[in-house]
């Protein structure tokens, strides 16, 4: 067990303190706590169960989200720059798409994106039917700093 403290990014006030196996264990056991503005820079959150967690304005830069479960997590205003391994996370995709200007995507691209929001379809399924639009969407998200989707699509094309 390790002593872990999670602090407010701005005030440095301690949000959570205690002995845990790791940061993932701490967050899972405290996911109903108010984690807004928490400093989670570089945290390994792979396979973390953070359903319904309040991560409003949390600092998640460089965090590893591989197979993290974020269904219903509140990510509004969270710093997501440099986040890793998010390619298969619907809720993450929804958040970064919401952050784009409405003019970023064409009407047809928004229709394709709607299938992620409504039907929770993955990029692979969408790409089979809407290859041109999915590639364009992924290129636009890459320009916004989220290039894993584009890398994934291009890798499958090789």
N, C-alpha and C. Protein backbone atom coordinates (compact mmCIF):
# COMPACT_ATOMS: atom_id res chain seq x y z
N UNK A 1 0.83 -1.18 0.00
CA UNK A 1 0.00 0.00 0.00
C UNK A 1 0.89 1.25 0.00
N UNK A 2 0.40 2.24 -0.73
CA UNK A 2 1.14 3.48 -0.88
C UNK A 2 0.29 4.66 -0.41
N UNK A 3 0.91 5.62 0.22
CA UNK A 3 0.20 6.85 0.57
C UNK A 3 -0.03 7.64 -0.70
N UNK A 4 -1.29 7.95 -0.97
CA UNK A 4 -1.64 8.70 -2.17
C UNK A 4 -2.44 9.93 -1.76
N UNK A 5 -2.07 11.04 -2.36
CA UNK A 5 -2.81 12.29 -2.19
C UNK A 5 -3.20 12.80 -3.56
N UNK A 6 -4.45 13.15 -3.70
CA UNK A 6 -4.91 13.83 -4.92
C UNK A 6 -5.30 15.23 -4.49
N UNK A 7 -4.69 16.20 -5.19
CA UNK A 7 -4.90 17.60 -4.82
C UNK A 7 -5.65 18.34 -5.91
N UNK A 8 -6.30 19.40 -5.49
CA UNK A 8 -6.93 20.32 -6.41
C UNK A 8 -5.82 20.97 -7.22
N UNK A 9 -6.01 20.99 -8.52
CA UNK A 9 -4.98 21.51 -9.41
C UNK A 9 -4.62 22.96 -9.12
N UNK A 10 -5.58 23.76 -8.72
CA UNK A 10 -5.37 25.19 -8.55
C UNK A 10 -5.02 25.57 -7.12
N UNK A 11 -5.79 25.08 -6.16
CA UNK A 11 -5.60 25.50 -4.77
C UNK A 11 -4.61 24.61 -4.03
N UNK A 12 -4.29 23.46 -4.59
CA UNK A 12 -3.42 22.44 -3.97
C UNK A 12 -4.05 21.84 -2.72
N UNK A 13 -5.32 22.13 -2.47
CA UNK A 13 -6.05 21.53 -1.36
C UNK A 13 -6.18 20.03 -1.62
N UNK A 14 -6.02 19.24 -0.59
CA UNK A 14 -6.10 17.78 -0.74
C UNK A 14 -7.56 17.37 -0.91
N UNK A 15 -7.83 16.65 -1.98
CA UNK A 15 -9.17 16.15 -2.26
C UNK A 15 -9.34 14.77 -1.64
N UNK A 16 -8.33 13.92 -1.84
CA UNK A 16 -8.34 12.55 -1.33
C UNK A 16 -6.97 12.24 -0.76
N UNK A 17 -6.94 11.56 0.35
CA UNK A 17 -5.69 11.12 0.97
C UNK A 17 -5.93 9.75 1.59
N UNK A 18 -4.96 8.85 1.40
CA UNK A 18 -5.08 7.54 2.04
C UNK A 18 -4.08 6.55 1.48
N UNK A 19 -4.18 5.32 1.97
CA UNK A 19 -3.31 4.24 1.50
C UNK A 19 -4.07 3.41 0.47
N UNK A 20 -3.45 3.27 -0.70
CA UNK A 20 -4.05 2.53 -1.81
C UNK A 20 -2.98 1.75 -2.53
N UNK A 21 -3.41 0.78 -3.31
CA UNK A 21 -2.47 0.00 -4.13
C UNK A 21 -1.79 0.90 -5.16
N UNK A 22 -2.58 1.78 -5.80
CA UNK A 22 -2.07 2.67 -6.84
C UNK A 22 -3.13 3.75 -7.08
N UNK A 23 -2.86 4.66 -8.00
CA UNK A 23 -3.78 5.76 -8.28
C UNK A 23 -5.12 5.25 -8.80
N UNK A 24 -5.08 4.20 -9.62
CA UNK A 24 -6.31 3.62 -10.16
C UNK A 24 -7.19 3.10 -9.01
N UNK A 25 -6.61 2.38 -8.08
CA UNK A 25 -7.33 1.86 -6.92
C UNK A 25 -7.95 3.01 -6.12
N UNK A 26 -7.18 4.07 -5.94
CA UNK A 26 -7.66 5.25 -5.20
C UNK A 26 -8.87 5.87 -5.90
N UNK A 27 -8.76 6.08 -7.20
CA UNK A 27 -9.85 6.72 -7.93
C UNK A 27 -11.09 5.84 -7.98
N UNK A 28 -10.91 4.54 -8.18
CA UNK A 28 -12.06 3.65 -8.21
C UNK A 28 -12.80 3.64 -6.87
N UNK A 29 -12.07 3.65 -5.79
CA UNK A 29 -12.69 3.62 -4.47
C UNK A 29 -13.31 4.96 -4.09
N UNK A 30 -12.94 6.00 -4.80
CA UNK A 30 -13.44 7.34 -4.49
C UNK A 30 -14.14 7.99 -5.68
N UNK A 31 -14.64 7.18 -6.61
CA UNK A 31 -15.18 7.75 -7.85
C UNK A 31 -16.43 8.59 -7.62
N UNK A 32 -17.10 8.38 -6.50
CA UNK A 32 -18.26 9.23 -6.21
C UNK A 32 -17.85 10.51 -5.49
N UNK A 33 -16.57 10.61 -5.14
CA UNK A 33 -16.07 11.86 -4.54
C UNK A 33 -16.03 12.93 -5.62
N UNK A 34 -16.01 14.17 -5.20
CA UNK A 34 -15.91 15.26 -6.15
C UNK A 34 -14.45 15.40 -6.57
N UNK A 35 -14.13 14.88 -7.75
CA UNK A 35 -12.77 14.91 -8.27
C UNK A 35 -12.57 16.09 -9.21
N UNK A 36 -13.48 17.05 -9.18
CA UNK A 36 -13.34 18.19 -10.07
C UNK A 36 -12.05 18.93 -9.73
N UNK A 37 -11.36 19.31 -10.78
CA UNK A 37 -10.09 20.03 -10.71
C UNK A 37 -8.97 19.22 -10.08
N UNK A 38 -9.14 17.88 -10.03
CA UNK A 38 -8.08 17.03 -9.48
C UNK A 38 -6.87 17.02 -10.42
N UNK A 39 -5.69 16.98 -9.85
CA UNK A 39 -4.46 16.92 -10.63
C UNK A 39 -4.09 15.45 -10.82
N UNK A 40 -4.35 14.93 -12.02
CA UNK A 40 -4.08 13.52 -12.33
C UNK A 40 -3.09 13.41 -13.48
N UNK A 41 -2.19 14.35 -13.56
CA UNK A 41 -1.20 14.39 -14.63
C UNK A 41 -0.45 13.06 -14.70
N UNK A 42 -0.46 12.45 -15.89
CA UNK A 42 0.32 11.24 -16.14
C UNK A 42 -0.16 10.00 -15.42
N UNK A 43 -1.33 10.04 -14.82
CA UNK A 43 -1.82 8.89 -14.06
C UNK A 43 -2.08 7.68 -14.95
N UNK A 44 -1.75 6.51 -14.46
CA UNK A 44 -2.06 5.27 -15.18
C UNK A 44 -3.46 4.86 -14.77
N UNK A 45 -4.43 5.17 -15.62
CA UNK A 45 -5.83 4.86 -15.34
C UNK A 45 -6.31 3.71 -16.22
N UNK A 46 -5.36 2.93 -16.74
CA UNK A 46 -5.74 1.82 -17.59
C UNK A 46 -6.64 0.86 -16.82
N UNK A 47 -7.74 0.52 -17.44
CA UNK A 47 -8.76 -0.39 -16.91
C UNK A 47 -9.44 0.13 -15.64
N UNK A 48 -9.31 1.40 -15.36
CA UNK A 48 -9.97 1.98 -14.19
C UNK A 48 -11.48 2.06 -14.43
N UNK A 49 -12.25 1.80 -13.41
CA UNK A 49 -13.71 1.88 -13.49
C UNK A 49 -14.12 3.22 -12.89
N UNK A 50 -14.38 4.18 -13.77
CA UNK A 50 -14.69 5.54 -13.32
C UNK A 50 -16.07 5.99 -13.79
N UNK A 51 -16.99 5.05 -13.89
CA UNK A 51 -18.35 5.38 -14.29
C UNK A 51 -18.93 6.43 -13.35
N UNK A 52 -19.51 7.46 -13.94
CA UNK A 52 -20.17 8.54 -13.20
C UNK A 52 -19.21 9.43 -12.40
N UNK A 53 -17.91 9.25 -12.54
CA UNK A 53 -16.96 10.09 -11.80
C UNK A 53 -17.07 11.54 -12.26
N UNK A 54 -16.96 12.45 -11.31
CA UNK A 54 -16.97 13.88 -11.63
C UNK A 54 -15.53 14.32 -11.84
N UNK A 55 -15.13 14.43 -13.11
CA UNK A 55 -13.77 14.85 -13.46
C UNK A 55 -13.78 16.24 -14.10
N UNK A 56 -14.76 17.04 -13.71
CA UNK A 56 -14.88 18.39 -14.23
C UNK A 56 -13.59 19.16 -13.99
N UNK A 57 -13.02 19.68 -15.08
CA UNK A 57 -11.78 20.46 -15.04
C UNK A 57 -10.61 19.73 -14.39
N UNK A 58 -10.67 18.39 -14.36
CA UNK A 58 -9.53 17.62 -13.85
C UNK A 58 -8.37 17.74 -14.83
N UNK A 59 -7.18 17.62 -14.33
CA UNK A 59 -5.97 17.71 -15.14
C UNK A 59 -5.54 16.28 -15.47
N UNK A 60 -5.98 15.80 -16.65
CA UNK A 60 -5.71 14.42 -17.07
C UNK A 60 -4.61 14.35 -18.13
N UNK A 61 -3.91 15.44 -18.33
CA UNK A 61 -2.86 15.48 -19.34
C UNK A 61 -1.89 14.33 -19.13
N UNK A 62 -1.57 13.63 -20.24
CA UNK A 62 -0.63 12.51 -20.27
C UNK A 62 -1.14 11.25 -19.58
N UNK A 63 -2.38 11.23 -19.11
CA UNK A 63 -2.91 10.04 -18.44
C UNK A 63 -3.11 8.91 -19.45
N UNK A 64 -2.95 7.68 -18.98
CA UNK A 64 -3.17 6.49 -19.79
C UNK A 64 -4.59 5.99 -19.52
N UNK A 65 -5.43 6.01 -20.54
CA UNK A 65 -6.84 5.60 -20.38
C UNK A 65 -7.15 4.26 -21.04
N UNK A 66 -6.14 3.44 -21.29
CA UNK A 66 -6.34 2.16 -21.95
C UNK A 66 -7.41 1.35 -21.22
N UNK A 67 -8.49 1.04 -21.93
CA UNK A 67 -9.61 0.25 -21.42
C UNK A 67 -10.24 0.82 -20.15
N UNK A 68 -10.08 2.10 -19.92
CA UNK A 68 -10.76 2.72 -18.77
C UNK A 68 -12.25 2.75 -19.05
N UNK A 69 -13.05 2.62 -18.03
CA UNK A 69 -14.50 2.65 -18.17
C UNK A 69 -14.99 4.01 -17.68
N UNK A 70 -15.36 4.86 -18.65
CA UNK A 70 -15.73 6.24 -18.34
C UNK A 70 -17.21 6.52 -18.60
N UNK A 71 -18.01 5.50 -18.72
CA UNK A 71 -19.42 5.71 -19.03
C UNK A 71 -20.06 6.63 -17.99
N UNK A 72 -20.57 7.73 -18.48
CA UNK A 72 -21.23 8.68 -17.59
C UNK A 72 -20.28 9.58 -16.82
N UNK A 73 -18.98 9.42 -17.01
CA UNK A 73 -18.03 10.29 -16.32
C UNK A 73 -18.18 11.71 -16.86
N UNK A 74 -18.08 12.68 -15.99
CA UNK A 74 -18.23 14.08 -16.37
C UNK A 74 -16.85 14.64 -16.65
N UNK A 75 -16.54 14.83 -17.93
CA UNK A 75 -15.22 15.27 -18.36
C UNK A 75 -15.19 16.73 -18.82
N UNK A 76 -16.29 17.43 -18.68
CA UNK A 76 -16.36 18.80 -19.17
C UNK A 76 -15.25 19.65 -18.56
N UNK A 77 -14.52 20.32 -19.42
CA UNK A 77 -13.46 21.21 -18.97
C UNK A 77 -12.19 20.52 -18.52
N UNK A 78 -12.16 19.19 -18.55
CA UNK A 78 -10.94 18.47 -18.14
C UNK A 78 -9.83 18.73 -19.15
N UNK A 79 -8.61 18.82 -18.68
CA UNK A 79 -7.46 18.97 -19.57
C UNK A 79 -7.12 17.58 -20.09
N UNK A 80 -7.35 17.36 -21.38
CA UNK A 80 -7.15 16.05 -21.98
C UNK A 80 -5.94 16.01 -22.91
N UNK A 81 -5.11 17.04 -22.88
CA UNK A 81 -3.97 17.08 -23.79
C UNK A 81 -2.99 15.96 -23.47
N UNK A 82 -2.56 15.29 -24.50
CA UNK A 82 -1.58 14.23 -24.35
C UNK A 82 -2.09 12.94 -23.74
N UNK A 83 -3.41 12.82 -23.55
CA UNK A 83 -3.97 11.59 -23.00
C UNK A 83 -3.62 10.45 -23.95
N UNK A 84 -3.41 9.27 -23.39
CA UNK A 84 -2.97 8.11 -24.18
C UNK A 84 -3.99 6.98 -24.13
N UNK A 85 -3.98 6.17 -25.19
CA UNK A 85 -4.77 4.93 -25.28
C UNK A 85 -6.26 5.13 -25.06
N UNK A 86 -6.82 6.10 -25.75
CA UNK A 86 -8.25 6.41 -25.62
C UNK A 86 -9.05 5.94 -26.83
N UNK A 87 -8.42 5.30 -27.78
CA UNK A 87 -9.03 5.05 -29.09
C UNK A 87 -10.35 4.27 -29.02
N UNK A 88 -10.56 3.44 -28.02
CA UNK A 88 -11.78 2.64 -27.94
C UNK A 88 -12.76 3.12 -26.87
N UNK A 89 -12.64 4.37 -26.45
CA UNK A 89 -13.50 4.89 -25.39
C UNK A 89 -14.57 5.81 -25.97
N UNK A 90 -15.81 5.34 -26.00
CA UNK A 90 -16.92 6.13 -26.55
C UNK A 90 -17.08 7.46 -25.84
N UNK A 91 -17.06 7.43 -24.52
CA UNK A 91 -17.31 8.65 -23.76
C UNK A 91 -16.22 9.68 -23.97
N UNK A 92 -15.00 9.22 -24.16
CA UNK A 92 -13.90 10.13 -24.46
C UNK A 92 -14.11 10.74 -25.84
N UNK A 93 -14.46 9.89 -26.81
CA UNK A 93 -14.72 10.38 -28.18
C UNK A 93 -15.82 11.43 -28.16
N UNK A 94 -16.88 11.16 -27.44
CA UNK A 94 -17.98 12.11 -27.35
C UNK A 94 -17.51 13.44 -26.78
N UNK A 95 -16.70 13.38 -25.75
CA UNK A 95 -16.23 14.62 -25.11
C UNK A 95 -15.38 15.45 -26.07
N UNK A 96 -14.42 14.82 -26.75
CA UNK A 96 -13.56 15.62 -27.62
C UNK A 96 -14.30 16.10 -28.86
N UNK A 97 -15.30 15.36 -29.30
CA UNK A 97 -16.12 15.82 -30.43
C UNK A 97 -16.97 17.01 -30.00
N UNK A 98 -17.55 16.93 -28.79
CA UNK A 98 -18.32 18.07 -28.26
C UNK A 98 -17.48 19.34 -28.17
N UNK A 99 -16.21 19.19 -27.96
CA UNK A 99 -15.33 20.35 -27.80
C UNK A 99 -15.00 21.05 -29.11
N UNK A 100 -15.31 20.41 -30.22
CA UNK A 100 -15.00 21.01 -31.52
C UNK A 100 -16.11 21.98 -31.91
N UNK A 101 -15.73 23.00 -32.63
CA UNK A 101 -16.70 23.95 -33.14
C UNK A 101 -17.66 23.23 -34.08
N UNK A 102 -18.89 23.65 -34.11
CA UNK A 102 -19.88 23.02 -34.99
C UNK A 102 -19.47 23.08 -36.45
N UNK A 103 -18.69 24.11 -36.80
CA UNK A 103 -18.23 24.28 -38.17
C UNK A 103 -17.07 23.33 -38.53
N UNK A 104 -16.52 22.67 -37.54
CA UNK A 104 -15.38 21.78 -37.78
C UNK A 104 -15.75 20.65 -38.73
N UNK A 105 -16.96 20.12 -38.55
CA UNK A 105 -17.38 18.96 -39.34
C UNK A 105 -18.49 19.34 -40.31
N UNK A 106 -18.50 18.63 -41.43
CA UNK A 106 -19.56 18.83 -42.42
C UNK A 106 -20.85 18.20 -41.91
N UNK A 107 -21.94 18.51 -42.59
CA UNK A 107 -23.24 17.92 -42.22
C UNK A 107 -23.18 16.40 -42.30
N UNK A 108 -22.55 15.87 -43.33
CA UNK A 108 -22.44 14.41 -43.47
C UNK A 108 -21.57 13.82 -42.37
N UNK A 109 -20.49 14.52 -42.00
CA UNK A 109 -19.63 14.04 -40.91
C UNK A 109 -20.39 14.04 -39.59
N UNK A 110 -21.20 15.07 -39.35
CA UNK A 110 -22.02 15.09 -38.12
C UNK A 110 -22.99 13.92 -38.11
N UNK A 111 -23.53 13.57 -39.27
CA UNK A 111 -24.44 12.42 -39.34
C UNK A 111 -23.71 11.13 -38.95
N UNK A 112 -22.48 11.00 -39.42
CA UNK A 112 -21.68 9.82 -39.06
C UNK A 112 -21.35 9.85 -37.57
N UNK A 113 -20.95 11.00 -37.07
CA UNK A 113 -20.64 11.13 -35.64
C UNK A 113 -21.85 10.84 -34.77
N UNK A 114 -23.01 11.18 -35.25
CA UNK A 114 -24.24 10.89 -34.51
C UNK A 114 -24.40 9.41 -34.21
N UNK A 115 -23.85 8.58 -35.06
CA UNK A 115 -23.95 7.13 -34.85
C UNK A 115 -23.06 6.69 -33.67
N UNK A 116 -22.02 7.45 -33.40
CA UNK A 116 -21.21 7.16 -32.21
C UNK A 116 -22.01 7.56 -30.97
N UNK A 117 -22.64 8.73 -31.03
CA UNK A 117 -23.38 9.23 -29.89
C UNK A 117 -24.63 8.40 -29.59
N UNK A 118 -25.38 8.09 -30.63
CA UNK A 118 -26.67 7.42 -30.43
C UNK A 118 -26.53 5.91 -30.31
N UNK A 119 -25.81 5.32 -31.24
CA UNK A 119 -25.73 3.85 -31.30
C UNK A 119 -24.46 3.28 -30.70
N UNK A 120 -23.54 4.15 -30.29
CA UNK A 120 -22.27 3.73 -29.71
C UNK A 120 -21.50 2.79 -30.65
N UNK A 121 -21.55 3.11 -31.94
CA UNK A 121 -20.81 2.33 -32.92
C UNK A 121 -19.33 2.70 -32.86
N UNK A 122 -18.49 1.75 -33.15
CA UNK A 122 -17.05 2.02 -33.13
C UNK A 122 -16.58 2.51 -34.50
N UNK A 123 -15.38 3.09 -34.50
CA UNK A 123 -14.81 3.64 -35.73
C UNK A 123 -14.71 2.58 -36.83
N UNK A 124 -14.37 1.36 -36.46
CA UNK A 124 -14.19 0.30 -37.47
C UNK A 124 -15.47 0.02 -38.24
N UNK A 125 -16.58 -0.02 -37.54
CA UNK A 125 -17.87 -0.26 -38.19
C UNK A 125 -18.23 0.92 -39.08
N UNK A 126 -18.04 2.13 -38.56
CA UNK A 126 -18.36 3.32 -39.34
C UNK A 126 -17.47 3.43 -40.57
N UNK A 127 -16.21 3.06 -40.43
CA UNK A 127 -15.27 3.20 -41.54
C UNK A 127 -15.67 2.33 -42.72
N UNK A 128 -16.21 1.15 -42.44
CA UNK A 128 -16.63 0.27 -43.54
C UNK A 128 -17.67 0.93 -44.43
N UNK A 129 -18.57 1.67 -43.83
CA UNK A 129 -19.66 2.28 -44.58
C UNK A 129 -19.36 3.72 -45.02
N UNK A 130 -18.58 4.44 -44.22
CA UNK A 130 -18.33 5.86 -44.47
C UNK A 130 -16.83 6.16 -44.45
N UNK A 131 -16.08 5.43 -45.23
CA UNK A 131 -14.61 5.52 -45.21
C UNK A 131 -14.11 6.96 -45.37
N UNK A 132 -14.61 7.66 -46.37
CA UNK A 132 -14.16 9.03 -46.65
C UNK A 132 -14.44 9.95 -45.47
N UNK A 133 -15.65 9.90 -44.93
CA UNK A 133 -16.03 10.78 -43.83
C UNK A 133 -15.25 10.46 -42.55
N UNK A 134 -15.08 9.17 -42.26
CA UNK A 134 -14.36 8.78 -41.05
C UNK A 134 -12.90 9.24 -41.13
N UNK A 135 -12.28 9.08 -42.28
CA UNK A 135 -10.91 9.54 -42.45
C UNK A 135 -10.82 11.05 -42.24
N UNK A 136 -11.76 11.80 -42.81
CA UNK A 136 -11.79 13.24 -42.67
C UNK A 136 -11.99 13.64 -41.20
N UNK A 137 -12.90 12.98 -40.50
CA UNK A 137 -13.15 13.25 -39.08
C UNK A 137 -11.87 13.00 -38.28
N UNK A 138 -11.23 11.87 -38.54
CA UNK A 138 -10.01 11.51 -37.80
C UNK A 138 -8.89 12.50 -38.07
N UNK A 139 -8.80 12.98 -39.28
CA UNK A 139 -7.79 14.00 -39.61
C UNK A 139 -8.06 15.29 -38.84
N UNK A 140 -9.32 15.67 -38.74
CA UNK A 140 -9.68 16.89 -38.00
C UNK A 140 -9.42 16.74 -36.51
N UNK A 141 -9.71 15.56 -35.97
CA UNK A 141 -9.43 15.33 -34.55
C UNK A 141 -7.92 15.30 -34.29
N UNK A 142 -7.16 14.79 -35.25
CA UNK A 142 -5.70 14.79 -35.12
C UNK A 142 -5.17 16.22 -35.06
N UNK A 143 -5.73 17.10 -35.89
CA UNK A 143 -5.33 18.51 -35.86
C UNK A 143 -5.66 19.16 -34.52
N UNK A 144 -6.70 18.64 -33.85
CA UNK A 144 -7.10 19.17 -32.54
C UNK A 144 -6.27 18.54 -31.41
N UNK A 145 -5.33 17.65 -31.77
CA UNK A 145 -4.44 17.06 -30.76
C UNK A 145 -4.78 15.64 -30.36
N UNK A 146 -5.72 15.03 -31.06
CA UNK A 146 -6.14 13.66 -30.72
C UNK A 146 -5.92 12.77 -31.94
N UNK A 147 -4.68 12.32 -32.10
CA UNK A 147 -4.29 11.62 -33.32
C UNK A 147 -4.41 10.10 -33.27
N UNK A 148 -4.78 9.52 -32.15
CA UNK A 148 -4.84 8.06 -32.06
C UNK A 148 -5.88 7.46 -33.00
N UNK A 149 -6.97 8.16 -33.24
CA UNK A 149 -7.99 7.64 -34.16
C UNK A 149 -7.41 7.54 -35.57
N UNK A 150 -6.72 8.57 -36.00
CA UNK A 150 -6.13 8.59 -37.33
C UNK A 150 -5.07 7.49 -37.46
N UNK A 151 -4.22 7.35 -36.45
CA UNK A 151 -3.20 6.30 -36.47
C UNK A 151 -3.85 4.92 -36.58
N UNK A 152 -4.91 4.71 -35.84
CA UNK A 152 -5.63 3.43 -35.86
C UNK A 152 -6.22 3.13 -37.24
N UNK A 153 -6.86 4.13 -37.82
CA UNK A 153 -7.46 3.96 -39.15
C UNK A 153 -6.38 3.69 -40.18
N UNK A 154 -5.29 4.44 -40.15
CA UNK A 154 -4.22 4.25 -41.12
C UNK A 154 -3.51 2.91 -40.93
N UNK A 155 -3.37 2.50 -39.69
CA UNK A 155 -2.72 1.21 -39.41
C UNK A 155 -3.54 0.06 -39.99
N UNK A 156 -4.84 0.14 -39.87
CA UNK A 156 -5.71 -0.91 -40.41
C UNK A 156 -5.70 -0.92 -41.93
N UNK A 157 -5.42 0.26 -42.51
CA UNK A 157 -5.38 0.37 -43.96
C UNK A 157 -4.10 -0.17 -44.57
N UNK A 158 -3.06 -0.31 -43.75
CA UNK A 158 -1.77 -0.81 -44.25
C UNK A 158 -1.78 -2.30 -44.49
